[in-house]
Amino acid sequence: MVGVPDPVMGEKAAALILPRPGAELDVPALIAHLGTRLADFKIQQYVAVAREPLPRNAGGKLLKEHIKAETVWGPEITRR
């Protein structure tokens, strides 16, 4: 999870998902499923699907600044 800049809140939650090889990911269905299990404020407001492995440093940690800069997030997900 990373933060996406927002003029009002400063940042909003975003998730970059890497599906298993060969698997298809239905983002609206995923968000609907999460909505049945989590409070609204816990669900990310931006979701992007990665097609290649996420960038990591030598220690294995995600390079969040690289993810923020390189990912196209698209429109904000609205619920209700």
Protein backbone atom coordinates (compact mmCIF):
# COMPACT_ATOMS: atom_id res chain seq x y z
CA MET A 1 0.00 0.00 0.00
CA VAL A 2 1.26 3.48 -0.88
CA GLY A 3 -0.11 7.00 -0.71
CA VAL A 4 -1.41 8.88 -3.75
CA PRO A 5 -1.33 12.71 -3.51
CA ASP A 6 -4.69 14.33 -2.74
CA PRO A 7 -5.33 18.08 -2.58
CA VAL A 8 -7.70 17.83 0.40
CA MET A 9 -6.43 14.91 2.49
CA GLY A 10 -2.74 15.13 1.58
CA GLU A 11 -2.62 11.47 0.58
CA LYS A 12 -5.12 8.69 0.00
CA ALA A 13 -4.52 4.95 0.25
CA ALA A 14 -3.64 3.02 -2.90
CA ALA A 15 -2.85 -0.63 -3.57
CA LEU A 16 -0.72 -2.09 -6.34
CA ILE A 17 -1.75 -5.72 -6.86
CA LEU A 18 0.39 -8.35 -8.55
CA PRO A 19 -1.87 -11.28 -9.53
CA ARG A 20 -0.55 -14.80 -9.83
CA PRO A 21 0.82 -15.70 -13.28
CA GLY A 22 -2.02 -16.53 -15.66
CA ALA A 23 -4.71 -15.28 -13.25
CA GLU A 24 -7.19 -12.56 -14.18
CA LEU A 25 -8.12 -9.94 -11.62
CA ASP A 26 -11.55 -8.31 -11.56
CA VAL A 27 -10.90 -5.12 -9.57
CA PRO A 28 -14.59 -4.08 -9.12
CA ALA A 29 -15.39 -7.57 -7.81
CA LEU A 30 -12.40 -7.42 -5.46
CA ILE A 31 -13.52 -4.04 -4.08
CA ALA A 32 -17.09 -5.33 -3.66
CA HIS A 33 -15.77 -8.37 -1.77
CA LEU A 34 -13.63 -6.19 0.49
CA GLY A 35 -16.67 -4.00 1.16
CA THR A 36 -18.46 -7.00 2.70
CA ARG A 37 -15.55 -7.70 5.05
CA LEU A 38 -13.93 -4.34 5.90
CA ALA A 39 -15.01 -0.90 7.01
CA ASP A 40 -15.10 1.66 4.16
CA PHE A 41 -12.13 3.62 5.51
CA LYS A 42 -9.93 0.51 5.37
CA ILE A 43 -10.46 -0.08 1.63
CA GLN A 44 -7.95 1.52 -0.72
CA GLN A 45 -9.27 4.34 -2.86
CA TYR A 46 -6.94 3.69 -5.78
CA VAL A 47 -6.03 0.30 -7.21
CA ALA A 48 -3.63 -0.61 -10.01
CA VAL A 49 -2.73 -4.03 -11.35
CA ALA A 50 0.96 -4.76 -11.93
CA ARG A 51 1.98 -7.02 -14.80
CA GLU A 52 5.59 -7.52 -13.71
CA PRO A 53 7.27 -8.05 -10.32
CA LEU A 54 7.27 -5.06 -7.98
CA PRO A 55 10.57 -3.16 -7.61
CA ARG A 56 12.57 -4.08 -4.51
CA ASN A 57 15.88 -3.06 -2.98
CA ALA A 58 18.73 -5.46 -2.18
CA GLY A 59 17.14 -6.23 1.20
CA GLY A 60 13.84 -7.23 -0.42
CA LYS A 61 11.82 -4.19 0.67
CA LEU A 62 9.45 -2.53 -1.80
CA LEU A 63 10.66 0.70 -3.39
CA LYS A 64 7.54 2.73 -2.60
CA GLU A 65 8.83 5.99 -4.10
CA HIS A 66 9.50 4.18 -7.37
CA ILE A 67 6.00 2.67 -7.27
CA LYS A 68 4.43 6.09 -6.61
CA ALA A 69 6.33 7.69 -9.49
CA GLU A 70 5.86 4.93 -12.08
CA THR A 71 2.29 3.74 -11.47
CA VAL A 72 -0.72 5.15 -13.33
CA TRP A 73 -3.52 4.99 -10.76
CA GLY A 74 -6.54 6.00 -12.78
CA PRO A 75 -9.75 7.39 -11.25
CA GLU A 76 -10.57 7.20 -7.56
CA ILE A 77 -12.77 4.27 -6.57
CA THR A 78 -16.06 5.45 -5.12
CA ARG A 79 -18.28 3.28 -2.98
CA ARG A 80 -21.94 3.80 -2.12
